[in-house]
């Protein structure tokens, strides 16, 4: 009997899904997108955020809390 496969993480998210995934509100994520810090992509008129784009953004954040 074959072992069940582990679920794969999504490759792309809606704004709401992406916000939930990184622990912020959708409105905060909209602000980040508007600043140009994260670039959305489009599929058939639907805006998506790739997992790669989200990880790159998270990796660019400072380690220390701003004063």
C-alpha atoms as a PDB file:
ATOM      1  CA  UNK A   1       0.000   0.000   0.000  1.00  0.00           C
ATOM      2  CA  UNK A   2       1.370   3.396  -0.987  1.00  0.00           C
ATOM      3  CA  UNK A   3       1.968   6.017   1.663  1.00  0.00           C
ATOM      4  CA  UNK A   4      -0.292   9.061   1.476  1.00  0.00           C
ATOM      5  CA  UNK A   5       1.330  12.180   0.114  1.00  0.00           C
ATOM      6  CA  UNK A   6       1.808  15.160   2.372  1.00  0.00           C
ATOM      7  CA  UNK A   7      -0.256  18.148   1.285  1.00  0.00           C
ATOM      8  CA  UNK A   8       1.714  20.667  -0.728  1.00  0.00           C
ATOM      9  CA  UNK A   9       1.694  24.316   0.266  1.00  0.00           C
ATOM     10  CA  UNK A  10      -0.043  26.616  -2.224  1.00  0.00           C
ATOM     11  CA  UNK A  11       2.033  28.202  -4.979  1.00  0.00           C
ATOM     12  CA  UNK A  12      -0.176  31.314  -5.022  1.00  0.00           C
ATOM     13  CA  UNK A  13      -2.712  33.029  -2.798  1.00  0.00           C
ATOM     14  CA  UNK A  14      -5.512  35.559  -2.994  1.00  0.00           C
ATOM     15  CA  UNK A  15      -4.896  38.725  -0.972  1.00  0.00           C
ATOM     16  CA  UNK A  16      -7.059  37.407   1.870  1.00  0.00           C
ATOM     17  CA  UNK A  17      -5.324  34.006   1.856  1.00  0.00           C
ATOM     18  CA  UNK A  18      -1.871  35.613   1.721  1.00  0.00           C
ATOM     19  CA  UNK A  19      -2.695  37.946   4.601  1.00  0.00           C
ATOM     20  CA  UNK A  20      -3.875  35.003   6.691  1.00  0.00           C
ATOM     21  CA  UNK A  21      -0.763  33.010   5.766  1.00  0.00           C
ATOM     22  CA  UNK A  22       1.610  35.720   7.020  1.00  0.00           C
ATOM     23  CA  UNK A  23      -0.520  36.835   9.968  1.00  0.00           C
ATOM     24  CA  UNK A  24      -1.621  40.325   8.969  1.00  0.00           C
ATOM     25  CA  UNK A  25      -4.917  41.870   7.905  1.00  0.00           C
ATOM     26  CA  UNK A  26      -5.944  42.022   4.263  1.00  0.00           C
ATOM     27  CA  UNK A  27      -6.064  45.832   4.474  1.00  0.00           C
ATOM     28  CA  UNK A  28      -2.454  45.938   5.731  1.00  0.00           C
ATOM     29  CA  UNK A  29      -1.423  43.677   2.860  1.00  0.00           C
ATOM     30  CA  UNK A  30      -3.242  45.992   0.433  1.00  0.00           C
ATOM     31  CA  UNK A  31      -1.099  48.858   1.790  1.00  0.00           C
ATOM     32  CA  UNK A  32       2.070  46.811   1.252  1.00  0.00           C
ATOM     33  CA  UNK A  33       0.984  46.071  -2.326  1.00  0.00           C
ATOM     34  CA  UNK A  34       0.143  49.754  -2.947  1.00  0.00           C
ATOM     35  CA  UNK A  35       3.656  50.739  -1.765  1.00  0.00           C
ATOM     36  CA  UNK A  36       5.078  48.327  -4.336  1.00  0.00           C
ATOM     37  CA  UNK A  37       6.729  46.063  -1.763  1.00  0.00           C
ATOM     38  CA  UNK A  38       4.876  43.022  -3.121  1.00  0.00           C
ATOM     39  CA  UNK A  39       3.943  42.719  -6.786  1.00  0.00           C
ATOM     40  CA  UNK A  40       0.722  40.877  -7.569  1.00  0.00           C
ATOM     41  CA  UNK A  41       0.274  38.793 -10.688  1.00  0.00           C
ATOM     42  CA  UNK A  42      -2.892  38.167 -12.667  1.00  0.00           C
ATOM     43  CA  UNK A  43      -4.602  34.989 -13.863  1.00  0.00           C
ATOM     44  CA  UNK A  44      -7.762  35.478 -15.936  1.00  0.00           C
ATOM     45  CA  UNK A  45      -8.506  38.768 -14.211  1.00  0.00           C
ATOM     46  CA  UNK A  46      -7.862  37.413 -10.710  1.00  0.00           C
ATOM     47  CA  UNK A  47      -5.058  39.016  -8.690  1.00  0.00           C
ATOM     48  CA  UNK A  48      -2.752  36.533  -6.980  1.00  0.00           C
ATOM     49  CA  UNK A  49       0.354  36.717  -4.845  1.00  0.00           C
ATOM     50  CA  UNK A  50       2.913  34.000  -5.385  1.00  0.00           C
ATOM     51  CA  UNK A  51       4.447  32.127  -2.484  1.00  0.00           C
ATOM     52  CA  UNK A  52       7.883  33.096  -3.838  1.00  0.00           C
ATOM     53  CA  UNK A  53       6.944  36.806  -3.779  1.00  0.00           C
ATOM     54  CA  UNK A  54       5.618  36.535  -0.216  1.00  0.00           C
ATOM     55  CA  UNK A  55       8.736  34.696   0.983  1.00  0.00           C
ATOM     56  CA  UNK A  56      11.008  37.269  -0.676  1.00  0.00           C
ATOM     57  CA  UNK A  57       9.092  40.070   1.046  1.00  0.00           C
ATOM     58  CA  UNK A  58       9.297  38.346   4.431  1.00  0.00           C
ATOM     59  CA  UNK A  59      13.025  37.728   3.957  1.00  0.00           C
ATOM     60  CA  UNK A  60      13.532  41.454   3.238  1.00  0.00           C
ATOM     61  CA  UNK A  61      12.056  42.540   6.571  1.00  0.00           C
ATOM     62  CA  UNK A  62      14.387  43.718   9.342  1.00  0.00           C
ATOM     63  CA  UNK A  63      15.166  41.470  12.289  1.00  0.00           C
ATOM     64  CA  UNK A  64      15.005  44.322  14.787  1.00  0.00           C
ATOM     65  CA  UNK A  65      11.870  46.218  15.747  1.00  0.00           C
ATOM     66  CA  UNK A  66      11.949  49.781  14.396  1.00  0.00           C
ATOM     67  CA  UNK A  67      12.158  52.482  17.029  1.00  0.00           C
END
